[in-house]
Amino acid sequence: MDGLTAAHRTYPFGTKLRLTNPKNNLSCEVVVNDRGPFVVGVDIDISRGASRAIRRLDTGPVIIEELGRDMKYVKEVHTGRIGSSGYYRVQVGAFTDPANAEHLKQGLELGYKDVRISVAVVRGVTYNKVQVGQGTGRNSAYGLAKRLADEGYETWVTRD
């Protein structure tokens, strides 16, 4: 909350932005580390720290300039023991708290179709698994996982 971060619908995680308050010309640099906002007509949700830095204590416009990307946000694609045939999905997260799964699902739905939450019980613990893609072939699932990983999501290709 107090860091210099932002949520955006489409910028990949790690994207560095310069935000300028047009009312006073103050600016700061932020890193996109979340998806959102989930409000119609609002393009970016900036942290309290960024709001303070540019003295924007209420809602209002900011000027956004893209500065580049911190590539440490790019992730690897993980796979288990999977065969060459069958249907696959890409798992992007597994949470014991359903609210965390729902938040990730909402963020993914801003840019992806066929996002779902499935529930699995493993050793007595209930997990809410967030998955993307409708049962597809291994190569298609891997391509989708690579795209998600490039955006900054941890991904696992799993058998459907």
N, C-alpha and C. Protein backbone atom coordinates (compact mmCIF):
# COMPACT_ATOMS: atom_id res chain seq x y z
N MET A 1 0.81 -1.20 0.00
CA MET A 1 0.00 0.00 0.00
C MET A 1 0.85 1.27 0.00
N ASP A 2 1.91 1.26 0.77
CA ASP A 2 2.73 2.46 0.88
C ASP A 2 3.90 2.47 -0.09
N GLY A 3 4.07 1.40 -0.87
CA GLY A 3 5.13 1.36 -1.87
C GLY A 3 4.72 2.13 -3.11
N LEU A 4 5.61 2.17 -4.07
CA LEU A 4 5.34 2.86 -5.33
C LEU A 4 4.95 1.80 -6.37
N THR A 5 3.68 1.38 -6.29
CA THR A 5 3.17 0.31 -7.13
C THR A 5 1.84 0.71 -7.76
N ALA A 6 1.41 -0.11 -8.72
CA ALA A 6 0.14 0.16 -9.40
C ALA A 6 -0.46 -1.13 -9.90
N ALA A 7 -1.77 -1.12 -10.08
CA ALA A 7 -2.49 -2.21 -10.73
C ALA A 7 -2.97 -1.70 -12.08
N HIS A 8 -2.83 -2.53 -13.10
CA HIS A 8 -3.27 -2.16 -14.44
C HIS A 8 -3.83 -3.39 -15.13
N ARG A 9 -4.76 -3.17 -16.04
CA ARG A 9 -5.42 -4.29 -16.72
C ARG A 9 -4.51 -5.03 -17.69
N THR A 10 -3.62 -4.33 -18.39
CA THR A 10 -2.89 -4.97 -19.47
C THR A 10 -1.38 -4.90 -19.38
N TYR A 11 -0.81 -3.92 -18.73
CA TYR A 11 0.66 -3.87 -18.65
C TYR A 11 1.17 -5.12 -17.95
N PRO A 12 2.21 -5.75 -18.49
CA PRO A 12 2.78 -6.92 -17.81
C PRO A 12 3.33 -6.53 -16.43
N PHE A 13 3.34 -7.49 -15.51
CA PHE A 13 3.94 -7.24 -14.20
C PHE A 13 5.40 -6.84 -14.41
N GLY A 14 5.85 -5.90 -13.61
CA GLY A 14 7.21 -5.41 -13.72
C GLY A 14 7.36 -4.18 -14.61
N THR A 15 6.28 -3.79 -15.31
CA THR A 15 6.35 -2.59 -16.15
C THR A 15 6.56 -1.37 -15.26
N LYS A 16 7.53 -0.56 -15.63
CA LYS A 16 7.82 0.66 -14.89
C LYS A 16 7.12 1.83 -15.58
N LEU A 17 6.40 2.60 -14.78
CA LEU A 17 5.65 3.74 -15.31
C LEU A 17 6.03 5.02 -14.56
N ARG A 18 6.07 6.11 -15.27
CA ARG A 18 6.18 7.42 -14.61
C ARG A 18 4.77 8.00 -14.59
N LEU A 19 4.30 8.33 -13.40
CA LEU A 19 2.99 8.95 -13.22
C LEU A 19 3.19 10.42 -12.90
N THR A 20 2.45 11.26 -13.59
CA THR A 20 2.52 12.70 -13.34
C THR A 20 1.14 13.22 -13.02
N ASN A 21 1.05 13.98 -11.95
CA ASN A 21 -0.20 14.63 -11.57
C ASN A 21 -0.30 15.91 -12.40
N PRO A 22 -1.27 16.02 -13.31
CA PRO A 22 -1.36 17.20 -14.18
C PRO A 22 -1.72 18.48 -13.42
N LYS A 23 -2.22 18.34 -12.19
CA LYS A 23 -2.59 19.53 -11.41
C LYS A 23 -1.39 20.24 -10.80
N ASN A 24 -0.30 19.48 -10.51
CA ASN A 24 0.85 20.11 -9.86
C ASN A 24 2.18 19.73 -10.50
N ASN A 25 2.16 18.90 -11.53
CA ASN A 25 3.32 18.47 -12.28
C ASN A 25 4.30 17.59 -11.49
N LEU A 26 3.90 17.12 -10.30
CA LEU A 26 4.74 16.19 -9.55
C LEU A 26 4.65 14.81 -10.17
N SER A 27 5.77 14.07 -10.17
CA SER A 27 5.76 12.74 -10.76
C SER A 27 6.51 11.75 -9.87
N CYS A 28 6.25 10.48 -10.10
CA CYS A 28 6.97 9.40 -9.43
C CYS A 28 6.98 8.20 -10.35
N GLU A 29 7.87 7.25 -10.06
CA GLU A 29 7.92 6.01 -10.82
C GLU A 29 7.29 4.90 -9.99
N VAL A 30 6.48 4.08 -10.67
CA VAL A 30 5.83 2.94 -10.02
C VAL A 30 6.11 1.68 -10.84
N VAL A 31 5.87 0.54 -10.20
CA VAL A 31 5.98 -0.75 -10.88
C VAL A 31 4.61 -1.41 -10.85
N VAL A 32 4.15 -1.92 -11.99
CA VAL A 32 2.89 -2.65 -12.05
C VAL A 32 3.11 -4.03 -11.42
N ASN A 33 2.34 -4.30 -10.35
CA ASN A 33 2.49 -5.59 -9.67
C ASN A 33 1.15 -6.26 -9.35
N ASP A 34 0.07 -5.76 -9.97
CA ASP A 34 -1.25 -6.33 -9.72
C ASP A 34 -2.15 -6.05 -10.90
N ARG A 35 -3.26 -6.77 -10.99
CA ARG A 35 -4.27 -6.55 -12.02
C ARG A 35 -5.40 -5.72 -11.45
N GLY A 36 -6.04 -4.99 -12.29
CA GLY A 36 -7.16 -4.14 -11.91
C GLY A 36 -6.99 -2.84 -12.66
N PRO A 37 -7.72 -1.84 -12.33
CA PRO A 37 -8.83 -1.86 -11.37
C PRO A 37 -10.06 -2.51 -11.99
N PHE A 38 -10.99 -2.85 -11.14
CA PHE A 38 -12.20 -3.52 -11.57
C PHE A 38 -13.37 -2.55 -11.60
N VAL A 39 -13.08 -1.30 -11.89
CA VAL A 39 -14.09 -0.24 -11.94
C VAL A 39 -14.15 0.27 -13.38
N VAL A 40 -15.33 0.31 -13.95
CA VAL A 40 -15.51 0.78 -15.32
C VAL A 40 -15.03 2.23 -15.42
N GLY A 41 -14.23 2.51 -16.45
CA GLY A 41 -13.77 3.86 -16.70
C GLY A 41 -12.50 4.25 -15.96
N VAL A 42 -11.96 3.36 -15.13
CA VAL A 42 -10.72 3.64 -14.41
C VAL A 42 -9.64 2.74 -15.00
N ASP A 43 -8.54 3.35 -15.47
CA ASP A 43 -7.50 2.60 -16.18
C ASP A 43 -6.38 2.11 -15.28
N ILE A 44 -6.11 2.80 -14.18
CA ILE A 44 -4.99 2.43 -13.32
C ILE A 44 -5.38 2.67 -11.87
N ASP A 45 -4.88 1.81 -11.00
CA ASP A 45 -5.11 1.95 -9.57
C ASP A 45 -3.73 2.08 -8.94
N ILE A 46 -3.43 3.26 -8.40
CA ILE A 46 -2.10 3.48 -7.84
C ILE A 46 -2.14 3.34 -6.32
N SER A 47 -1.00 2.95 -5.78
CA SER A 47 -0.89 2.73 -4.33
C SER A 47 -1.00 4.06 -3.58
N ARG A 48 -1.24 3.92 -2.29
CA ARG A 48 -1.30 5.09 -1.42
C ARG A 48 0.05 5.83 -1.45
N GLY A 49 1.15 5.06 -1.49
CA GLY A 49 2.48 5.67 -1.55
C GLY A 49 2.67 6.52 -2.80
N ALA A 50 2.19 6.02 -3.94
CA ALA A 50 2.30 6.78 -5.19
C ALA A 50 1.40 8.01 -5.14
N SER A 51 0.21 7.85 -4.59
CA SER A 51 -0.70 9.00 -4.46
C SER A 51 -0.08 10.10 -3.62
N ARG A 52 0.56 9.71 -2.53
CA ARG A 52 1.22 10.70 -1.68
C ARG A 52 2.38 11.37 -2.39
N ALA A 53 3.15 10.58 -3.16
CA ALA A 53 4.33 11.12 -3.84
C ALA A 53 3.96 12.21 -4.84
N ILE A 54 2.80 12.07 -5.48
CA ILE A 54 2.40 13.08 -6.47
C ILE A 54 1.30 14.00 -5.92
N ARG A 55 1.06 13.86 -4.62
CA ARG A 55 0.04 14.67 -3.92
C ARG A 55 -1.32 14.62 -4.60
N ARG A 56 -1.69 13.41 -4.95
CA ARG A 56 -3.03 13.18 -5.50
C ARG A 56 -3.79 12.40 -4.44
N LEU A 57 -4.47 13.12 -3.59
CA LEU A 57 -5.12 12.51 -2.45
C LEU A 57 -6.56 12.10 -2.74
N ASP A 58 -7.02 12.44 -3.92
CA ASP A 58 -8.36 12.02 -4.31
C ASP A 58 -8.23 11.29 -5.65
N THR A 59 -9.32 10.88 -6.21
CA THR A 59 -9.26 10.28 -7.54
C THR A 59 -9.09 11.39 -8.56
N GLY A 60 -8.59 11.03 -9.66
CA GLY A 60 -8.41 12.00 -10.72
C GLY A 60 -7.40 11.51 -11.72
N PRO A 61 -7.25 12.25 -12.81
CA PRO A 61 -6.36 11.79 -13.88
C PRO A 61 -4.88 11.89 -13.51
N VAL A 62 -4.11 11.00 -14.12
CA VAL A 62 -2.66 11.08 -14.07
C VAL A 62 -2.15 10.87 -15.49
N ILE A 63 -1.00 11.40 -15.76
CA ILE A 63 -0.35 11.18 -17.05
C ILE A 63 0.57 9.98 -16.87
N ILE A 64 0.46 9.00 -17.75
CA ILE A 64 1.24 7.76 -17.65
C ILE A 64 2.26 7.72 -18.77
N GLU A 65 3.53 7.47 -18.40
CA GLU A 65 4.59 7.29 -19.37
C GLU A 65 5.27 5.94 -19.08
N GLU A 66 5.33 5.08 -20.08
CA GLU A 66 5.97 3.77 -19.90
C GLU A 66 7.48 3.94 -19.99
N LEU A 67 8.19 3.39 -18.99
CA LEU A 67 9.64 3.55 -18.91
C LEU A 67 10.42 2.28 -19.24
N GLY A 68 9.77 1.16 -19.26
CA GLY A 68 10.47 -0.11 -19.50
C GLY A 68 9.91 -1.18 -18.59
N ARG A 69 10.72 -2.21 -18.38
CA ARG A 69 10.23 -3.33 -17.59
C ARG A 69 11.36 -3.96 -16.80
N ASP A 70 11.05 -4.32 -15.58
CA ASP A 70 11.96 -5.08 -14.73
C ASP A 70 11.74 -6.56 -15.07
N MET A 71 12.69 -7.17 -15.74
CA MET A 71 12.50 -8.52 -16.26
C MET A 71 12.52 -9.60 -15.18
N LYS A 72 12.82 -9.24 -13.94
CA LYS A 72 12.77 -10.25 -12.88
C LYS A 72 11.34 -10.74 -12.65
N TYR A 73 10.36 -10.04 -13.19
CA TYR A 73 8.97 -10.44 -13.05
C TYR A 73 8.59 -11.57 -14.01
N VAL A 74 9.39 -11.80 -15.05
CA VAL A 74 9.10 -12.89 -15.99
C VAL A 74 9.34 -14.21 -15.27
N LYS A 75 8.40 -15.13 -15.40
CA LYS A 75 8.44 -16.42 -14.70
C LYS A 75 8.70 -17.56 -15.67
N GLU A 76 9.03 -18.71 -15.12
CA GLU A 76 9.21 -19.93 -15.91
C GLU A 76 7.90 -20.70 -15.97
N VAL A 77 7.77 -21.52 -17.00
CA VAL A 77 6.62 -22.42 -17.11
C VAL A 77 7.01 -23.72 -16.43
N HIS A 78 6.15 -24.19 -15.52
CA HIS A 78 6.38 -25.45 -14.82
C HIS A 78 5.48 -26.53 -15.41
N THR A 79 6.01 -27.71 -15.50
CA THR A 79 5.20 -28.84 -15.93
C THR A 79 5.51 -30.03 -15.02
N GLY A 80 4.52 -30.85 -14.84
CA GLY A 80 4.73 -32.11 -14.13
C GLY A 80 4.99 -33.20 -15.14
N ARG A 81 4.76 -34.42 -14.74
CA ARG A 81 4.89 -35.54 -15.68
C ARG A 81 3.61 -35.61 -16.51
N ILE A 82 3.70 -35.12 -17.73
CA ILE A 82 2.52 -35.10 -18.59
C ILE A 82 2.86 -35.77 -19.91
N GLY A 83 1.92 -36.48 -20.45
CA GLY A 83 2.13 -37.17 -21.72
C GLY A 83 1.90 -36.26 -22.90
N SER A 84 1.98 -36.85 -24.07
CA SER A 84 1.81 -36.06 -25.29
C SER A 84 0.36 -36.00 -25.75
N SER A 85 -0.51 -36.79 -25.14
CA SER A 85 -1.91 -36.76 -25.55
C SER A 85 -2.78 -36.38 -24.36
N GLY A 86 -4.00 -35.99 -24.66
CA GLY A 86 -4.94 -35.59 -23.62
C GLY A 86 -5.22 -34.10 -23.70
N TYR A 87 -5.97 -33.62 -22.73
CA TYR A 87 -6.33 -32.22 -22.67
C TYR A 87 -5.65 -31.58 -21.48
N TYR A 88 -5.26 -30.31 -21.65
CA TYR A 88 -4.49 -29.61 -20.64
C TYR A 88 -5.08 -28.25 -20.34
N ARG A 89 -4.76 -27.77 -19.16
CA ARG A 89 -5.09 -26.41 -18.74
C ARG A 89 -3.83 -25.81 -18.16
N VAL A 90 -3.86 -24.50 -17.96
CA VAL A 90 -2.75 -23.82 -17.32
C VAL A 90 -3.21 -23.36 -15.95
N GLN A 91 -2.54 -23.85 -14.93
CA GLN A 91 -2.85 -23.42 -13.56
C GLN A 91 -1.98 -22.22 -13.22
N VAL A 92 -2.61 -21.18 -12.68
CA VAL A 92 -1.91 -19.95 -12.38
C VAL A 92 -1.79 -19.71 -10.87
N GLY A 93 -2.53 -20.45 -10.10
CA GLY A 93 -2.43 -20.31 -8.65
C GLY A 93 -3.30 -21.32 -7.94
N ALA A 94 -2.96 -21.57 -6.67
CA ALA A 94 -3.77 -22.44 -5.82
C ALA A 94 -3.78 -21.82 -4.43
N PHE A 95 -4.96 -21.58 -3.91
CA PHE A 95 -5.11 -20.83 -2.67
C PHE A 95 -6.02 -21.56 -1.69
N THR A 96 -5.68 -21.48 -0.42
CA THR A 96 -6.59 -22.01 0.60
C THR A 96 -7.70 -21.01 0.88
N ASP A 97 -7.45 -19.74 0.61
CA ASP A 97 -8.47 -18.69 0.81
C ASP A 97 -9.19 -18.46 -0.53
N PRO A 98 -10.48 -18.78 -0.61
CA PRO A 98 -11.22 -18.60 -1.87
C PRO A 98 -11.21 -17.16 -2.38
N ALA A 99 -11.13 -16.18 -1.48
CA ALA A 99 -11.12 -14.77 -1.90
C ALA A 99 -9.87 -14.47 -2.72
N ASN A 100 -8.74 -15.06 -2.37
CA ASN A 100 -7.50 -14.83 -3.14
C ASN A 100 -7.64 -15.43 -4.54
N ALA A 101 -8.26 -16.60 -4.62
CA ALA A 101 -8.47 -17.22 -5.93
C ALA A 101 -9.40 -16.35 -6.79
N GLU A 102 -10.45 -15.83 -6.18
CA GLU A 102 -11.40 -14.99 -6.91
C GLU A 102 -10.74 -13.71 -7.41
N HIS A 103 -9.87 -13.12 -6.60
CA HIS A 103 -9.16 -11.89 -7.00
C HIS A 103 -8.28 -12.17 -8.22
N LEU A 104 -7.53 -13.29 -8.18
CA LEU A 104 -6.69 -13.65 -9.32
C LEU A 104 -7.54 -13.93 -10.55
N LYS A 105 -8.64 -14.63 -10.37
CA LYS A 105 -9.56 -14.94 -11.49
C LYS A 105 -10.05 -13.65 -12.14
N GLN A 106 -10.46 -12.68 -11.34
CA GLN A 106 -10.94 -11.40 -11.89
C GLN A 106 -9.84 -10.71 -12.69
N GLY A 107 -8.63 -10.73 -12.17
CA GLY A 107 -7.52 -10.10 -12.89
C GLY A 107 -7.23 -10.79 -14.21
N LEU A 108 -7.25 -12.10 -14.21
CA LEU A 108 -6.99 -12.85 -15.44
C LEU A 108 -8.08 -12.65 -16.47
N GLU A 109 -9.32 -12.51 -16.02
CA GLU A 109 -10.44 -12.33 -16.95
C GLU A 109 -10.36 -11.01 -17.71
N LEU A 110 -9.51 -10.10 -17.27
CA LEU A 110 -9.32 -8.85 -18.00
C LEU A 110 -8.64 -9.10 -19.35
N GLY A 111 -7.90 -10.22 -19.46
CA GLY A 111 -7.19 -10.47 -20.71
C GLY A 111 -7.30 -11.88 -21.26
N TYR A 112 -7.99 -12.76 -20.54
CA TYR A 112 -8.06 -14.15 -20.95
C TYR A 112 -9.48 -14.68 -20.87
N LYS A 113 -9.76 -15.67 -21.72
CA LYS A 113 -11.05 -16.36 -21.70
C LYS A 113 -10.88 -17.67 -20.94
N ASP A 114 -11.97 -18.26 -20.62
CA ASP A 114 -11.97 -19.59 -20.00
C ASP A 114 -11.14 -19.65 -18.73
N VAL A 115 -11.37 -18.69 -17.83
CA VAL A 115 -10.72 -18.71 -16.52
C VAL A 115 -11.70 -19.34 -15.54
N ARG A 116 -11.23 -20.29 -14.77
CA ARG A 116 -12.12 -20.96 -13.83
C ARG A 116 -11.38 -21.25 -12.52
N ILE A 117 -12.17 -21.51 -11.50
CA ILE A 117 -11.63 -21.95 -10.22
C ILE A 117 -12.14 -23.37 -10.00
N SER A 118 -11.23 -24.28 -9.78
CA SER A 118 -11.63 -25.64 -9.42
C SER A 118 -11.12 -25.92 -8.01
N VAL A 119 -11.83 -26.76 -7.32
CA VAL A 119 -11.50 -27.06 -5.92
C VAL A 119 -10.93 -28.47 -5.84
N ALA A 120 -9.84 -28.59 -5.08
CA ALA A 120 -9.23 -29.90 -4.86
C ALA A 120 -8.85 -30.01 -3.39
N VAL A 121 -9.00 -31.20 -2.85
CA VAL A 121 -8.59 -31.46 -1.48
C VAL A 121 -7.34 -32.34 -1.53
N VAL A 122 -6.26 -31.83 -0.95
CA VAL A 122 -4.99 -32.55 -0.93
C VAL A 122 -4.55 -32.70 0.52
N ARG A 123 -4.45 -33.94 0.97
CA ARG A 123 -4.06 -34.25 2.35
C ARG A 123 -4.89 -33.47 3.37
N GLY A 124 -6.19 -33.40 3.09
CA GLY A 124 -7.12 -32.76 4.01
C GLY A 124 -7.20 -31.25 3.90
N VAL A 125 -6.43 -30.64 3.00
CA VAL A 125 -6.45 -29.19 2.81
C VAL A 125 -7.16 -28.87 1.50
N THR A 126 -8.11 -27.93 1.55
CA THR A 126 -8.86 -27.54 0.37
C THR A 126 -8.13 -26.41 -0.36
N TYR A 127 -7.88 -26.63 -1.64
CA TYR A 127 -7.22 -25.62 -2.48
C TYR A 127 -8.19 -25.16 -3.57
N ASN A 128 -8.18 -23.87 -3.83
CA ASN A 128 -8.94 -23.25 -4.91
C ASN A 128 -7.95 -22.96 -6.03
N LYS A 129 -8.01 -23.78 -7.08
CA LYS A 129 -7.04 -23.69 -8.17
C LYS A 129 -7.58 -22.78 -9.28
N VAL A 130 -6.81 -21.78 -9.64
CA VAL A 130 -7.18 -20.87 -10.72
C VAL A 130 -6.53 -21.39 -11.99
N GLN A 131 -7.37 -21.67 -12.99
CA GLN A 131 -6.89 -22.26 -14.24
C GLN A 131 -7.39 -21.45 -15.43
N VAL A 132 -6.57 -21.46 -16.48
CA VAL A 132 -6.88 -20.73 -17.71
C VAL A 132 -6.84 -21.72 -18.87
N GLY A 133 -7.72 -21.51 -19.82
CA GLY A 133 -7.73 -22.33 -21.03
C GLY A 133 -8.74 -23.44 -20.94
N GLN A 134 -9.37 -23.69 -22.04
CA GLN A 134 -10.37 -24.75 -22.09
C GLN A 134 -9.69 -25.97 -22.66
N GLY A 135 -9.69 -27.09 -21.94
CA GLY A 135 -9.04 -28.32 -22.35
C GLY A 135 -8.46 -28.29 -23.74
N THR A 136 -7.17 -28.17 -23.87
CA THR A 136 -6.51 -28.02 -25.15
C THR A 136 -5.33 -28.97 -25.23
N GLY A 137 -4.69 -29.04 -26.37
CA GLY A 137 -3.52 -29.89 -26.53
C GLY A 137 -2.32 -29.35 -25.76
N ARG A 138 -1.34 -30.21 -25.59
CA ARG A 138 -0.15 -29.85 -24.80
C ARG A 138 0.56 -28.63 -25.35
N ASN A 139 0.78 -28.58 -26.66
CA ASN A 139 1.52 -27.45 -27.24
C ASN A 139 0.76 -26.13 -27.07
N SER A 140 -0.56 -26.17 -27.26
CA SER A 140 -1.36 -24.95 -27.07
C SER A 140 -1.33 -24.51 -25.62
N ALA A 141 -1.44 -25.47 -24.71
CA ALA A 141 -1.40 -25.14 -23.28
C ALA A 141 -0.04 -24.55 -22.92
N TYR A 142 1.03 -25.13 -23.45
CA TYR A 142 2.36 -24.61 -23.15
C TYR A 142 2.51 -23.19 -23.69
N GLY A 143 2.00 -22.92 -24.90
CA GLY A 143 2.06 -21.57 -25.46
C GLY A 143 1.31 -20.57 -24.60
N LEU A 144 0.13 -20.96 -24.11
CA LEU A 144 -0.64 -20.10 -23.21
C LEU A 144 0.13 -19.88 -21.91
N ALA A 145 0.72 -20.94 -21.37
CA ALA A 145 1.50 -20.83 -20.13
C ALA A 145 2.69 -19.89 -20.32
N LYS A 146 3.34 -19.98 -21.46
CA LYS A 146 4.49 -19.11 -21.76
C LYS A 146 4.05 -17.64 -21.81
N ARG A 147 2.92 -17.39 -22.44
CA ARG A 147 2.41 -16.01 -22.52
C ARG A 147 2.11 -15.46 -21.12
N LEU A 148 1.46 -16.28 -20.29
CA LEU A 148 1.15 -15.87 -18.92
C LEU A 148 2.43 -15.67 -18.11
N ALA A 149 3.41 -16.56 -18.28
CA ALA A 149 4.68 -16.44 -17.56
C ALA A 149 5.42 -15.17 -17.98
N ASP A 150 5.38 -14.84 -19.27
CA ASP A 150 6.02 -13.61 -19.75
C ASP A 150 5.38 -12.38 -19.13
N GLU A 151 4.09 -12.47 -18.81
CA GLU A 151 3.41 -11.34 -18.16
C GLU A 151 3.73 -11.25 -16.67
N GLY A 152 4.26 -12.34 -16.10
CA GLY A 152 4.63 -12.31 -14.70
C GLY A 152 3.89 -13.28 -13.80
N TYR A 153 3.10 -14.17 -14.39
CA TYR A 153 2.35 -15.15 -13.60
C TYR A 153 3.15 -16.44 -13.46
N GLU A 154 3.11 -17.06 -12.28
CA GLU A 154 3.63 -18.42 -12.11
C GLU A 154 2.65 -19.34 -12.83
N THR A 155 3.15 -20.27 -13.63
CA THR A 155 2.25 -21.14 -14.38
C THR A 155 2.68 -22.60 -14.29
N TRP A 156 1.68 -23.48 -14.34
CA TRP A 156 1.89 -24.91 -14.37
C TRP A 156 0.98 -25.48 -15.44
N VAL A 157 1.52 -26.25 -16.35
CA VAL A 157 0.70 -26.94 -17.33
C VAL A 157 0.25 -28.23 -16.66
N THR A 158 -1.07 -28.43 -16.61
CA THR A 158 -1.63 -29.59 -15.92
C THR A 158 -2.57 -30.35 -16.83
N ARG A 159 -2.71 -31.62 -16.57
CA ARG A 159 -3.64 -32.46 -17.30
C ARG A 159 -5.05 -32.14 -16.83
N ASP A 160 -5.97 -32.00 -17.77
CA ASP A 160 -7.35 -31.66 -17.44
C ASP A 160 -8.05 -32.82 -16.79
